Amino acid sequence: MRVVSRELTVAVCRTMPLGLVGAAGAAGLLMAGLTRATGEAGEWLALPLLRAAILAFAIGLVFLLDDPARHTTSTVPTPRPVRTGLRAALVLPVVAAWWTLALLLVPRDLRPPVADITLEAGSAFALAVAAAVLAVRHSDIARPGARLAAGLLTSAVLALLFWPGRWALFVPVQDERWAAAHDRWAVVLAVAVLVGVLGAGEPVRRWAWRGGPGRRPYS
């Protein structure tokens, strides 16, 4: 069993889009590092820059389940939830290390409350992975990450522009709605984790999301 697990882990690692995730992580760290060069504007720019860093890394995470060989591995004896869970487990230490570094790049006197901003980051990352899980479960596309990345970026912009103020999520630290906003972030995190777990099973039916040449009826 240990040999099989080791072989499975190696196989999964080889198919993970680490380059894309790494590029997104580097872009996010660059944004977090800009908080050290904002001068007097840093007090009000630090939080938006850190949120932009979170979004950048979340965009990278939507590529986590991209696998050009997904149609050839659909017949392997290892269930899809195990393969999906293994990918998430392998990337989790990377996410934790990235987030720790991102926080350290923000000067201590400009850093927002760590627990609350970590909740925002965890929610964004969980949403990204849950979107990838649903895309793989309900479509035949081997690499849905590009479409998901565009959708996540668009959704973030629309949320910033049109999200109702009474249900605000993106508020400044000094805003009296800060605590209530993070109660909502906790709900977002719980829903994202639940959707991701429930969606990790074997597909039962397909949406009519065509993936172009090479689409298969099952995966």
N, C-alpha and C. Protein backbone atom coordinates (compact mmCIF):
# COMPACT_ATOMS: atom_id res chain seq x y z
N MET A 1 0.83 -1.21 0.00
CA MET A 1 0.00 0.00 0.00
C MET A 1 0.86 1.25 0.00
N ARG A 2 1.97 1.21 0.74
CA ARG A 2 2.86 2.36 0.77
C ARG A 2 3.48 2.62 -0.60
N VAL A 3 3.83 1.52 -1.30
CA VAL A 3 4.41 1.67 -2.64
C VAL A 3 3.39 2.29 -3.59
N VAL A 4 2.16 1.77 -3.53
CA VAL A 4 1.12 2.32 -4.38
C VAL A 4 0.88 3.79 -4.07
N SER A 5 0.85 4.14 -2.79
CA SER A 5 0.62 5.53 -2.40
C SER A 5 1.76 6.42 -2.89
N ARG A 6 2.98 5.93 -2.78
CA ARG A 6 4.12 6.71 -3.24
C ARG A 6 4.05 6.91 -4.75
N GLU A 7 3.72 5.86 -5.47
CA GLU A 7 3.62 5.96 -6.93
C GLU A 7 2.50 6.91 -7.33
N LEU A 8 1.39 6.85 -6.61
CA LEU A 8 0.28 7.75 -6.92
C LEU A 8 0.68 9.19 -6.65
N THR A 9 1.37 9.42 -5.55
CA THR A 9 1.80 10.78 -5.22
C THR A 9 2.73 11.33 -6.27
N VAL A 10 3.67 10.52 -6.71
CA VAL A 10 4.62 10.95 -7.75
C VAL A 10 3.88 11.26 -9.05
N ALA A 11 2.93 10.40 -9.40
CA ALA A 11 2.16 10.61 -10.64
C ALA A 11 1.34 11.89 -10.58
N VAL A 12 0.73 12.14 -9.43
CA VAL A 12 -0.08 13.36 -9.28
C VAL A 12 0.80 14.60 -9.33
N CYS A 13 1.95 14.53 -8.68
CA CYS A 13 2.87 15.67 -8.69
C CYS A 13 3.31 16.03 -10.10
N ARG A 14 3.51 15.01 -10.92
CA ARG A 14 3.97 15.25 -12.29
C ARG A 14 2.93 15.96 -13.14
N THR A 15 1.66 15.77 -12.81
CA THR A 15 0.60 16.38 -13.62
C THR A 15 0.09 17.70 -13.04
N MET A 16 0.55 18.09 -11.86
CA MET A 16 0.08 19.34 -11.27
C MET A 16 0.69 20.53 -11.99
N PRO A 17 -0.09 21.56 -12.26
CA PRO A 17 0.41 22.75 -12.97
C PRO A 17 1.19 23.68 -12.03
N LEU A 18 2.30 23.19 -11.53
CA LEU A 18 3.05 23.95 -10.53
C LEU A 18 3.59 25.26 -11.09
N GLY A 19 3.89 25.28 -12.39
CA GLY A 19 4.39 26.51 -12.99
C GLY A 19 3.38 27.64 -12.92
N LEU A 20 2.13 27.33 -13.24
CA LEU A 20 1.09 28.35 -13.20
C LEU A 20 0.82 28.82 -11.77
N VAL A 21 0.75 27.86 -10.86
CA VAL A 21 0.52 28.23 -9.46
C VAL A 21 1.69 29.06 -8.94
N GLY A 22 2.91 28.67 -9.32
CA GLY A 22 4.08 29.42 -8.88
C GLY A 22 4.12 30.83 -9.45
N ALA A 23 3.75 30.98 -10.71
CA ALA A 23 3.74 32.31 -11.32
C ALA A 23 2.71 33.21 -10.64
N ALA A 24 1.54 32.65 -10.35
CA ALA A 24 0.51 33.43 -9.65
C ALA A 24 0.98 33.80 -8.25
N GLY A 25 1.65 32.86 -7.59
CA GLY A 25 2.16 33.15 -6.26
C GLY A 25 3.22 34.24 -6.28
N ALA A 26 4.09 34.21 -7.28
CA ALA A 26 5.12 35.24 -7.40
C ALA A 26 4.50 36.61 -7.63
N ALA A 27 3.48 36.66 -8.48
CA ALA A 27 2.80 37.93 -8.73
C ALA A 27 2.15 38.45 -7.44
N GLY A 28 1.56 37.53 -6.67
CA GLY A 28 0.94 37.94 -5.42
C GLY A 28 1.96 38.47 -4.42
N LEU A 29 3.10 37.81 -4.33
CA LEU A 29 4.14 38.28 -3.40
C LEU A 29 4.68 39.64 -3.82
N LEU A 30 4.75 39.87 -5.11
CA LEU A 30 5.18 41.18 -5.60
C LEU A 30 4.23 42.27 -5.14
N MET A 31 2.93 41.96 -5.23
CA MET A 31 1.93 42.94 -4.78
C MET A 31 2.04 43.18 -3.28
N ALA A 32 2.21 42.11 -2.52
CA ALA A 32 2.36 42.27 -1.07
C ALA A 32 3.62 43.06 -0.74
N GLY A 33 4.69 42.82 -1.49
CA GLY A 33 5.93 43.54 -1.24
C GLY A 33 5.85 45.02 -1.57
N LEU A 34 4.92 45.40 -2.45
CA LEU A 34 4.77 46.81 -2.79
C LEU A 34 4.33 47.65 -1.60
N THR A 35 3.80 47.00 -0.57
CA THR A 35 3.37 47.75 0.61
C THR A 35 4.56 48.42 1.30
N ARG A 36 5.77 47.92 1.02
CA ARG A 36 6.97 48.52 1.63
C ARG A 36 7.46 49.73 0.85
N ALA A 37 6.85 49.98 -0.31
CA ALA A 37 7.31 51.09 -1.15
C ALA A 37 6.23 52.13 -1.37
N THR A 38 5.21 52.11 -0.54
CA THR A 38 4.08 53.02 -0.75
C THR A 38 4.23 54.33 0.01
N GLY A 39 5.23 54.45 0.85
CA GLY A 39 5.46 55.69 1.58
C GLY A 39 4.29 56.06 2.47
N GLU A 40 3.92 57.34 2.43
CA GLU A 40 2.84 57.82 3.29
C GLU A 40 1.50 57.22 2.92
N ALA A 41 1.36 56.75 1.67
CA ALA A 41 0.09 56.16 1.24
C ALA A 41 -0.08 54.73 1.74
N GLY A 42 0.95 54.19 2.37
CA GLY A 42 0.91 52.80 2.78
C GLY A 42 -0.20 52.47 3.74
N GLU A 43 -0.60 53.43 4.57
CA GLU A 43 -1.62 53.16 5.57
C GLU A 43 -2.94 52.74 4.95
N TRP A 44 -3.29 53.33 3.80
CA TRP A 44 -4.55 52.95 3.15
C TRP A 44 -4.36 52.06 1.93
N LEU A 45 -3.12 51.89 1.47
CA LEU A 45 -2.88 51.01 0.32
C LEU A 45 -2.52 49.58 0.73
N ALA A 46 -2.07 49.39 1.95
CA ALA A 46 -1.59 48.07 2.37
C ALA A 46 -2.67 47.00 2.25
N LEU A 47 -3.86 47.29 2.75
CA LEU A 47 -4.93 46.29 2.72
C LEU A 47 -5.38 45.98 1.28
N PRO A 48 -5.62 46.99 0.41
CA PRO A 48 -5.96 46.65 -0.97
C PRO A 48 -4.87 45.85 -1.69
N LEU A 49 -3.60 46.18 -1.44
CA LEU A 49 -2.52 45.43 -2.08
C LEU A 49 -2.47 43.99 -1.59
N LEU A 50 -2.70 43.79 -0.30
CA LEU A 50 -2.71 42.43 0.23
C LEU A 50 -3.89 41.65 -0.32
N ARG A 51 -5.02 42.30 -0.46
CA ARG A 51 -6.18 41.62 -1.06
C ARG A 51 -5.92 41.31 -2.54
N ALA A 52 -5.23 42.20 -3.23
CA ALA A 52 -4.87 41.91 -4.62
C ALA A 52 -3.92 40.72 -4.69
N ALA A 53 -3.01 40.61 -3.72
CA ALA A 53 -2.11 39.46 -3.67
C ALA A 53 -2.88 38.17 -3.46
N ILE A 54 -3.88 38.21 -2.58
CA ILE A 54 -4.73 37.04 -2.34
C ILE A 54 -5.44 36.64 -3.63
N LEU A 55 -5.99 37.61 -4.34
CA LEU A 55 -6.69 37.32 -5.58
C LEU A 55 -5.74 36.71 -6.62
N ALA A 56 -4.53 37.24 -6.71
CA ALA A 56 -3.56 36.72 -7.67
C ALA A 56 -3.27 35.25 -7.40
N PHE A 57 -3.04 34.91 -6.15
CA PHE A 57 -2.73 33.52 -5.83
C PHE A 57 -3.96 32.63 -6.01
N ALA A 58 -5.14 33.15 -5.68
CA ALA A 58 -6.37 32.38 -5.88
C ALA A 58 -6.57 32.07 -7.36
N ILE A 59 -6.23 33.02 -8.22
CA ILE A 59 -6.33 32.78 -9.66
C ILE A 59 -5.41 31.64 -10.06
N GLY A 60 -4.25 31.54 -9.44
CA GLY A 60 -3.36 30.42 -9.72
C GLY A 60 -3.94 29.10 -9.25
N LEU A 61 -4.64 29.11 -8.14
CA LEU A 61 -5.18 27.87 -7.58
C LEU A 61 -6.31 27.28 -8.41
N VAL A 62 -6.97 28.08 -9.23
CA VAL A 62 -8.05 27.50 -10.05
C VAL A 62 -7.48 26.54 -11.10
N PHE A 63 -6.18 26.58 -11.33
CA PHE A 63 -5.54 25.66 -12.26
C PHE A 63 -5.14 24.34 -11.60
N LEU A 64 -5.41 24.21 -10.30
CA LEU A 64 -4.90 23.07 -9.53
C LEU A 64 -5.31 21.72 -10.10
N LEU A 65 -6.52 21.61 -10.61
CA LEU A 65 -7.02 20.33 -11.11
C LEU A 65 -6.89 20.17 -12.62
N ASP A 66 -6.25 21.12 -13.27
CA ASP A 66 -5.99 20.97 -14.70
C ASP A 66 -5.12 19.74 -14.92
N ASP A 67 -5.53 18.89 -15.82
CA ASP A 67 -4.78 17.66 -16.08
C ASP A 67 -5.01 17.24 -17.53
N PRO A 68 -4.03 17.44 -18.39
CA PRO A 68 -4.21 17.07 -19.80
C PRO A 68 -4.46 15.58 -20.00
N ALA A 69 -4.12 14.78 -19.00
CA ALA A 69 -4.30 13.33 -19.12
C ALA A 69 -5.53 12.83 -18.38
N ARG A 70 -6.46 13.73 -18.02
CA ARG A 70 -7.58 13.31 -17.17
C ARG A 70 -8.44 12.23 -17.83
N HIS A 71 -8.57 12.24 -19.16
CA HIS A 71 -9.40 11.26 -19.84
C HIS A 71 -8.74 9.89 -19.90
N THR A 72 -7.42 9.86 -19.81
CA THR A 72 -6.72 8.57 -19.83
C THR A 72 -6.59 7.99 -18.43
N THR A 73 -6.78 8.82 -17.41
CA THR A 73 -6.69 8.33 -16.04
C THR A 73 -8.06 8.05 -15.44
N SER A 74 -9.11 8.23 -16.23
CA SER A 74 -10.46 8.04 -15.69
C SER A 74 -10.75 6.60 -15.32
N THR A 75 -9.95 5.66 -15.86
CA THR A 75 -10.21 4.25 -15.59
C THR A 75 -9.30 3.68 -14.51
N VAL A 76 -8.48 4.52 -13.89
CA VAL A 76 -7.59 4.01 -12.85
C VAL A 76 -8.41 3.62 -11.64
N PRO A 77 -7.92 2.65 -10.82
CA PRO A 77 -8.71 2.19 -9.68
C PRO A 77 -8.84 3.20 -8.55
N THR A 78 -7.95 4.18 -8.50
CA THR A 78 -8.02 5.18 -7.43
C THR A 78 -9.19 6.12 -7.67
N PRO A 79 -10.12 6.24 -6.73
CA PRO A 79 -11.31 7.08 -6.94
C PRO A 79 -10.94 8.55 -7.13
N ARG A 80 -11.79 9.28 -7.82
CA ARG A 80 -11.55 10.70 -8.05
C ARG A 80 -11.41 11.49 -6.75
N PRO A 81 -12.24 11.25 -5.72
CA PRO A 81 -12.06 12.03 -4.49
C PRO A 81 -10.67 11.88 -3.89
N VAL A 82 -10.08 10.69 -4.00
CA VAL A 82 -8.73 10.49 -3.48
C VAL A 82 -7.72 11.28 -4.28
N ARG A 83 -7.84 11.26 -5.60
CA ARG A 83 -6.91 12.00 -6.45
C ARG A 83 -7.04 13.50 -6.24
N THR A 84 -8.28 13.96 -6.11
CA THR A 84 -8.51 15.38 -5.87
C THR A 84 -7.99 15.79 -4.50
N GLY A 85 -8.29 14.97 -3.49
CA GLY A 85 -7.82 15.27 -2.14
C GLY A 85 -6.31 15.27 -2.05
N LEU A 86 -5.66 14.39 -2.81
CA LEU A 86 -4.21 14.34 -2.80
C LEU A 86 -3.61 15.62 -3.37
N ARG A 87 -4.20 16.11 -4.45
CA ARG A 87 -3.72 17.38 -5.01
C ARG A 87 -3.86 18.51 -4.00
N ALA A 88 -5.02 18.56 -3.34
CA ALA A 88 -5.23 19.61 -2.34
C ALA A 88 -4.25 19.48 -1.18
N ALA A 89 -4.00 18.24 -0.75
CA ALA A 89 -3.07 18.02 0.36
C ALA A 89 -1.65 18.41 -0.01
N LEU A 90 -1.26 18.14 -1.25
CA LEU A 90 0.10 18.47 -1.69
C LEU A 90 0.32 19.97 -1.80
N VAL A 91 -0.73 20.71 -2.18
CA VAL A 91 -0.56 22.14 -2.35
C VAL A 91 -0.78 22.91 -1.05
N LEU A 92 -1.38 22.28 -0.05
CA LEU A 92 -1.69 22.99 1.20
C LEU A 92 -0.46 23.56 1.89
N PRO A 93 0.64 22.81 2.04
CA PRO A 93 1.83 23.41 2.65
C PRO A 93 2.38 24.59 1.85
N VAL A 94 2.26 24.51 0.53
CA VAL A 94 2.71 25.62 -0.32
C VAL A 94 1.87 26.87 -0.05
N VAL A 95 0.56 26.66 0.06
CA VAL A 95 -0.34 27.79 0.35
C VAL A 95 0.00 28.40 1.71
N ALA A 96 0.21 27.57 2.71
CA ALA A 96 0.53 28.07 4.05
C ALA A 96 1.84 28.86 4.04
N ALA A 97 2.86 28.32 3.36
CA ALA A 97 4.14 29.02 3.29
C ALA A 97 4.02 30.33 2.53
N TRP A 98 3.26 30.30 1.43
CA TRP A 98 3.07 31.52 0.64
C TRP A 98 2.38 32.58 1.47
N TRP A 99 1.34 32.22 2.18
CA TRP A 99 0.59 33.20 2.96
C TRP A 99 1.44 33.78 4.09
N THR A 100 2.23 32.94 4.73
CA THR A 100 3.12 33.43 5.78
C THR A 100 4.10 34.46 5.23
N LEU A 101 4.67 34.16 4.08
CA LEU A 101 5.61 35.10 3.46
C LEU A 101 4.92 36.38 3.04
N ALA A 102 3.71 36.26 2.49
CA ALA A 102 2.97 37.46 2.08
C ALA A 102 2.71 38.38 3.27
N LEU A 103 2.34 37.79 4.39
CA LEU A 103 2.10 38.60 5.59
C LEU A 103 3.38 39.26 6.07
N LEU A 104 4.49 38.53 6.03
CA LEU A 104 5.75 39.09 6.49
C LEU A 104 6.25 40.21 5.60
N LEU A 105 5.85 40.21 4.34
CA LEU A 105 6.26 41.28 3.43
C LEU A 105 5.57 42.60 3.74
N VAL A 106 4.45 42.53 4.43
CA VAL A 106 3.72 43.75 4.81
C VAL A 106 4.30 44.27 6.12
N PRO A 107 4.73 45.51 6.19
CA PRO A 107 5.28 46.05 7.43
C PRO A 107 4.33 45.85 8.61
N ARG A 108 4.89 45.56 9.76
CA ARG A 108 4.07 45.24 10.93
C ARG A 108 3.06 46.34 11.25
N ASP A 109 3.46 47.59 11.12
CA ASP A 109 2.55 48.68 11.48
C ASP A 109 1.45 48.91 10.44
N LEU A 110 1.59 48.29 9.27
CA LEU A 110 0.57 48.43 8.23
C LEU A 110 -0.26 47.16 8.08
N ARG A 111 0.13 46.11 8.75
CA ARG A 111 -0.50 44.80 8.57
C ARG A 111 -1.91 44.81 9.19
N PRO A 112 -2.93 44.40 8.44
CA PRO A 112 -4.29 44.31 9.01
C PRO A 112 -4.35 43.17 10.03
N PRO A 113 -5.42 43.11 10.83
CA PRO A 113 -5.55 42.02 11.80
C PRO A 113 -5.33 40.66 11.13
N VAL A 114 -4.34 39.92 11.63
CA VAL A 114 -3.89 38.72 10.94
C VAL A 114 -4.98 37.66 10.84
N ALA A 115 -5.70 37.43 11.93
CA ALA A 115 -6.74 36.39 11.92
C ALA A 115 -7.82 36.71 10.89
N ASP A 116 -8.23 37.97 10.82
CA ASP A 116 -9.31 38.35 9.92
C ASP A 116 -8.87 38.30 8.45
N ILE A 117 -7.69 38.82 8.15
CA ILE A 117 -7.25 38.80 6.76
C ILE A 117 -6.90 37.37 6.33
N THR A 118 -6.49 36.54 7.28
CA THR A 118 -6.24 35.13 6.97
C THR A 118 -7.56 34.43 6.64
N LEU A 119 -8.62 34.82 7.31
CA LEU A 119 -9.94 34.28 6.99
C LEU A 119 -10.34 34.66 5.56
N GLU A 120 -10.08 35.90 5.17
CA GLU A 120 -10.36 36.31 3.80
C GLU A 120 -9.55 35.49 2.80
N ALA A 121 -8.28 35.31 3.10
CA ALA A 121 -7.42 34.54 2.20
C ALA A 121 -7.89 33.09 2.09
N GLY A 122 -8.18 32.48 3.22
CA GLY A 122 -8.64 31.09 3.21
C GLY A 122 -9.93 30.93 2.43
N SER A 123 -10.83 31.90 2.56
CA SER A 123 -12.09 31.85 1.82
C SER A 123 -11.86 31.94 0.33
N ALA A 124 -10.99 32.87 -0.08
CA ALA A 124 -10.69 33.04 -1.51
C ALA A 124 -10.04 31.78 -2.08
N PHE A 125 -9.11 31.20 -1.33
CA PHE A 125 -8.42 30.01 -1.83
C PHE A 125 -9.38 28.82 -1.90
N ALA A 126 -10.25 28.70 -0.89
CA ALA A 126 -11.22 27.61 -0.89
C ALA A 126 -12.21 27.77 -2.05
N LEU A 127 -12.62 29.00 -2.32
CA LEU A 127 -13.53 29.24 -3.45
C LEU A 127 -12.87 28.86 -4.77
N ALA A 128 -11.60 29.18 -4.91
CA ALA A 128 -10.88 28.86 -6.14
C ALA A 128 -10.82 27.35 -6.37
N VAL A 129 -10.48 26.62 -5.32
CA VAL A 129 -10.38 25.16 -5.46
C VAL A 129 -11.76 24.55 -5.67
N ALA A 130 -12.78 25.07 -4.97
CA ALA A 130 -14.13 24.55 -5.16
C ALA A 130 -14.61 24.77 -6.59
N ALA A 131 -14.28 25.93 -7.18
CA ALA A 131 -14.65 26.18 -8.57
C ALA A 131 -13.98 25.19 -9.50
N ALA A 132 -12.71 24.88 -9.22
CA ALA A 132 -12.00 23.89 -10.04
C ALA A 132 -12.62 22.51 -9.90
N VAL A 133 -13.01 22.15 -8.69
CA VAL A 133 -13.64 20.85 -8.45
C VAL A 133 -14.94 20.73 -9.24
N LEU A 134 -15.77 21.77 -9.19
CA LEU A 134 -17.04 21.73 -9.91
C LEU A 134 -16.83 21.69 -11.42
N ALA A 135 -15.84 22.44 -11.90
CA ALA A 135 -15.58 22.44 -13.34
C ALA A 135 -15.16 21.07 -13.84
N VAL A 136 -14.33 20.38 -13.05
CA VAL A 136 -13.88 19.05 -13.44
C VAL A 136 -15.02 18.04 -13.35
N ARG A 137 -15.84 18.18 -12.34
CA ARG A 137 -16.93 17.22 -12.14
C ARG A 137 -18.01 17.36 -13.20
N HIS A 138 -18.29 18.59 -13.63
CA HIS A 138 -19.44 18.83 -14.50
C HIS A 138 -19.07 19.22 -15.92
N SER A 139 -17.84 19.02 -16.32
CA SER A 139 -17.47 19.28 -17.71
C SER A 139 -16.45 18.26 -18.17
N ASP A 140 -16.21 18.22 -19.45
CA ASP A 140 -15.23 17.30 -20.03
C ASP A 140 -13.91 17.99 -20.34
N ILE A 141 -13.77 19.24 -19.96
CA ILE A 141 -12.57 19.99 -20.28
C ILE A 141 -11.41 19.52 -19.41
N ALA A 142 -10.30 19.21 -20.05
CA ALA A 142 -9.13 18.75 -19.30
C ALA A 142 -8.44 19.89 -18.57
N ARG A 143 -8.52 21.09 -19.13
CA ARG A 143 -7.86 22.24 -18.51
C ARG A 143 -8.85 23.41 -18.40
N PRO A 144 -9.71 23.39 -17.39
CA PRO A 144 -10.68 24.48 -17.24
C PRO A 144 -10.11 25.72 -16.56
N GLY A 145 -8.86 25.67 -16.14
CA GLY A 145 -8.29 26.74 -15.32
C GLY A 145 -8.36 28.11 -15.96
N ALA A 146 -8.08 28.21 -17.26
CA ALA A 146 -8.06 29.52 -17.91
C ALA A 146 -9.43 30.18 -17.84
N ARG A 147 -10.49 29.42 -18.10
CA ARG A 147 -11.85 29.97 -18.04
C ARG A 147 -12.21 30.35 -16.61
N LEU A 148 -11.81 29.51 -15.68
CA LEU A 148 -12.10 29.79 -14.28
C LEU A 148 -11.36 31.03 -13.81
N ALA A 149 -10.11 31.19 -14.24
CA ALA A 149 -9.33 32.36 -13.85
C ALA A 149 -9.99 33.64 -14.34
N ALA A 150 -10.44 33.63 -15.59
CA ALA A 150 -11.14 34.80 -16.13
C ALA A 150 -12.43 35.06 -15.36
N GLY A 151 -13.14 34.00 -15.03
CA GLY A 151 -14.38 34.15 -14.28
C GLY A 151 -14.15 34.68 -12.88
N LEU A 152 -13.09 34.19 -12.21
CA LEU A 152 -12.79 34.65 -10.86
C LEU A 152 -12.39 36.11 -10.85
N LEU A 153 -11.57 36.51 -11.80
CA LEU A 153 -11.15 37.91 -11.88
C LEU A 153 -12.35 38.82 -12.15
N THR A 154 -13.19 38.40 -13.08
CA THR A 154 -14.39 39.20 -13.39
C THR A 154 -15.32 39.30 -12.19
N SER A 155 -15.51 38.17 -11.50
CA SER A 155 -16.38 38.17 -10.33
C SER A 155 -15.86 39.07 -9.23
N ALA A 156 -14.54 39.08 -9.04
CA ALA A 156 -13.95 39.93 -8.01
C ALA A 156 -14.17 41.41 -8.33
N VAL A 157 -13.98 41.78 -9.59
CA VAL A 157 -14.20 43.17 -10.00
C VAL A 157 -15.66 43.57 -9.82
N LEU A 158 -16.57 42.69 -10.24
CA LEU A 158 -17.99 43.00 -10.11
C LEU A 158 -18.41 43.09 -8.65
N ALA A 159 -17.82 42.23 -7.81
CA ALA A 159 -18.14 42.28 -6.38
C ALA A 159 -17.69 43.59 -5.77
N LEU A 160 -16.51 44.06 -6.16
CA LEU A 160 -16.02 45.34 -5.64
C LEU A 160 -16.91 46.50 -6.06
N LEU A 161 -17.43 46.42 -7.28
CA LEU A 161 -18.20 47.53 -7.81
C LEU A 161 -19.67 47.51 -7.39
N PHE A 162 -20.25 46.31 -7.31
CA PHE A 162 -21.70 46.24 -7.17
C PHE A 162 -22.20 45.46 -5.95
N TRP A 163 -21.30 44.95 -5.11
CA TRP A 163 -21.76 44.18 -3.96
C TRP A 163 -22.54 45.08 -3.01
N PRO A 164 -23.73 44.65 -2.54
CA PRO A 164 -24.55 45.50 -1.66
C PRO A 164 -23.81 45.88 -0.39
N GLY A 165 -23.89 47.15 -0.03
CA GLY A 165 -23.18 47.64 1.14
C GLY A 165 -23.60 46.99 2.44
N ARG A 166 -24.85 46.60 2.53
CA ARG A 166 -25.32 46.00 3.79
C ARG A 166 -24.76 44.59 3.99
N TRP A 167 -24.24 43.99 2.93
CA TRP A 167 -23.60 42.68 3.03
C TRP A 167 -22.12 42.78 2.69
N ALA A 168 -21.54 43.90 3.02
CA ALA A 168 -20.17 44.21 2.60
C ALA A 168 -19.18 43.13 3.04
N LEU A 169 -18.26 42.83 2.15
CA LEU A 169 -17.15 41.91 2.44
C LEU A 169 -15.81 42.63 2.45
N PHE A 170 -15.63 43.55 1.50
CA PHE A 170 -14.35 44.25 1.37
C PHE A 170 -14.46 45.63 2.03
N VAL A 171 -14.12 45.69 3.30
CA VAL A 171 -14.22 46.94 4.04
C VAL A 171 -12.86 47.27 4.65
N PRO A 172 -12.57 48.56 4.88
CA PRO A 172 -11.32 48.93 5.55
C PRO A 172 -11.33 48.53 7.02
N VAL A 173 -10.15 48.45 7.58
CA VAL A 173 -10.03 48.00 8.97
C VAL A 173 -10.80 48.92 9.91
N GLN A 174 -10.78 50.22 9.65
CA GLN A 174 -11.42 51.17 10.55
C GLN A 174 -12.94 51.18 10.41
N ASP A 175 -13.47 50.53 9.41
CA ASP A 175 -14.91 50.52 9.16
C ASP A 175 -15.63 49.76 10.27
N GLU A 176 -16.74 50.30 10.72
CA GLU A 176 -17.50 49.66 11.80
C GLU A 176 -18.10 48.32 11.36
N ARG A 177 -18.13 48.07 10.05
CA ARG A 177 -18.66 46.81 9.54
C ARG A 177 -17.61 45.71 9.45
N TRP A 178 -16.39 45.98 9.92
CA TRP A 178 -15.29 45.02 9.78
C TRP A 178 -15.64 43.66 10.40
N ALA A 179 -16.12 43.67 11.64
CA ALA A 179 -16.42 42.40 12.32
C ALA A 179 -17.55 41.66 11.61
N ALA A 180 -18.61 42.37 11.23
CA ALA A 180 -19.73 41.73 10.55
C ALA A 180 -19.30 41.18 9.20
N ALA A 181 -18.42 41.91 8.51
CA ALA A 181 -17.94 41.44 7.21
C ALA A 181 -17.20 40.11 7.36
N HIS A 182 -16.46 39.95 8.44
CA HIS A 182 -15.71 38.71 8.61
C HIS A 182 -16.56 37.57 9.14
N ASP A 183 -17.69 37.89 9.71
CA ASP A 183 -18.69 36.84 9.96
C ASP A 183 -19.18 36.28 8.63
N ARG A 184 -19.36 37.17 7.67
CA ARG A 184 -19.78 36.72 6.33
C ARG A 184 -18.67 35.93 5.64
N TRP A 185 -17.43 36.36 5.83
CA TRP A 185 -16.31 35.60 5.25
C TRP A 185 -16.26 34.18 5.81
N ALA A 186 -16.59 34.03 7.08
CA ALA A 186 -16.62 32.70 7.67
C ALA A 186 -17.68 31.82 7.00
N VAL A 187 -18.82 32.42 6.68
CA VAL A 187 -19.86 31.68 5.97
C VAL A 187 -19.38 31.30 4.57
N VAL A 188 -18.73 32.24 3.89
CA VAL A 188 -18.19 31.96 2.56
C VAL A 188 -17.22 30.79 2.61
N LEU A 189 -16.35 30.79 3.60
CA LEU A 189 -15.37 29.70 3.75
C LEU A 189 -16.07 28.36 3.96
N ALA A 190 -17.05 28.34 4.86
CA ALA A 190 -17.76 27.09 5.14
C ALA A 190 -18.47 26.57 3.90
N VAL A 191 -19.12 27.46 3.17
CA VAL A 191 -19.84 27.04 1.96
C VAL A 191 -18.86 26.53 0.91
N ALA A 192 -17.73 27.22 0.74
CA ALA A 192 -16.75 26.81 -0.26
C ALA A 192 -16.18 25.43 0.06
N VAL A 193 -15.87 25.19 1.32
CA VAL A 193 -15.33 23.88 1.72
C VAL A 193 -16.39 22.80 1.50
N LEU A 194 -17.63 23.08 1.87
CA LEU A 194 -18.70 22.11 1.70
C LEU A 194 -18.91 21.78 0.21
N VAL A 195 -18.94 22.80 -0.62
CA VAL A 195 -19.12 22.59 -2.06
C VAL A 195 -17.95 21.79 -2.63
N GLY A 196 -16.75 22.12 -2.19
CA GLY A 196 -15.58 21.40 -2.68
C GLY A 196 -15.60 19.94 -2.30
N VAL A 197 -15.97 19.64 -1.05
CA VAL A 197 -16.01 18.25 -0.59
C VAL A 197 -17.10 17.47 -1.31
N LEU A 198 -18.29 18.06 -1.39
CA LEU A 198 -19.40 17.37 -2.05
C LEU A 198 -19.18 17.21 -3.56
N GLY A 199 -18.47 18.16 -4.14
CA GLY A 199 -18.25 18.11 -5.58
C GLY A 199 -17.09 17.25 -6.00
N ALA A 200 -16.35 16.70 -5.06
CA ALA A 200 -15.15 15.94 -5.41
C ALA A 200 -15.45 14.51 -5.84
N GLY A 201 -16.71 14.09 -5.75
CA GLY A 201 -17.05 12.72 -6.12
C GLY A 201 -17.02 12.46 -7.61
N GLU A 202 -17.30 11.24 -7.98
CA GLU A 202 -17.34 10.87 -9.39
C GLU A 202 -18.52 11.57 -10.07
N PRO A 203 -18.35 12.01 -11.31
CA PRO A 203 -19.43 12.72 -12.01
C PRO A 203 -20.62 11.80 -12.27
N VAL A 204 -21.81 12.37 -12.14
CA VAL A 204 -23.02 11.60 -12.41
C VAL A 204 -23.72 12.07 -13.68
N ARG A 205 -23.53 13.34 -14.05
CA ARG A 205 -24.09 13.84 -15.30
C ARG A 205 -23.27 15.03 -15.72
N ARG A 206 -23.40 15.43 -16.96
CA ARG A 206 -22.59 16.50 -17.52
C ARG A 206 -23.42 17.73 -17.84
N TRP A 207 -22.79 18.89 -17.66
CA TRP A 207 -23.35 20.09 -18.23
C TRP A 207 -22.96 20.13 -19.71
N ALA A 208 -23.65 20.93 -20.46
CA ALA A 208 -23.32 21.09 -21.89
C ALA A 208 -22.23 22.13 -22.07
N TRP A 209 -21.10 21.93 -21.36
CA TRP A 209 -19.95 22.83 -21.46
C TRP A 209 -18.94 22.15 -22.36
N ARG A 210 -18.90 22.53 -23.59
CA ARG A 210 -18.09 21.82 -24.57
C ARG A 210 -16.64 22.24 -24.45
N GLY A 211 -15.79 21.24 -24.52
CA GLY A 211 -14.37 21.51 -24.39
C GLY A 211 -13.62 21.47 -25.69
N GLY A 212 -14.32 21.39 -26.84
CA GLY A 212 -13.65 21.42 -28.12
C GLY A 212 -13.14 20.05 -28.48
N PRO A 213 -12.12 19.98 -29.37
CA PRO A 213 -11.59 18.71 -29.82
C PRO A 213 -11.07 17.88 -28.65
N GLY A 214 -11.28 16.61 -28.72
CA GLY A 214 -10.76 15.71 -27.69
C GLY A 214 -11.72 15.51 -26.54
N ARG A 215 -12.92 16.10 -26.64
CA ARG A 215 -13.88 15.94 -25.53
C ARG A 215 -14.36 14.50 -25.48
N ARG A 216 -14.44 13.96 -24.28
CA ARG A 216 -14.90 12.60 -24.09
C ARG A 216 -16.23 12.59 -23.32
N PRO A 217 -17.04 11.56 -23.46
CA PRO A 217 -18.31 11.53 -22.76
C PRO A 217 -18.16 11.26 -21.27
N TYR A 218 -17.03 10.67 -20.88
CA TYR A 218 -16.86 10.35 -19.46
C TYR A 218 -15.44 10.72 -19.07
N SER A 219 -15.27 10.98 -17.75
CA SER A 219 -13.93 11.20 -17.22
C SER A 219 -13.93 10.91 -15.74
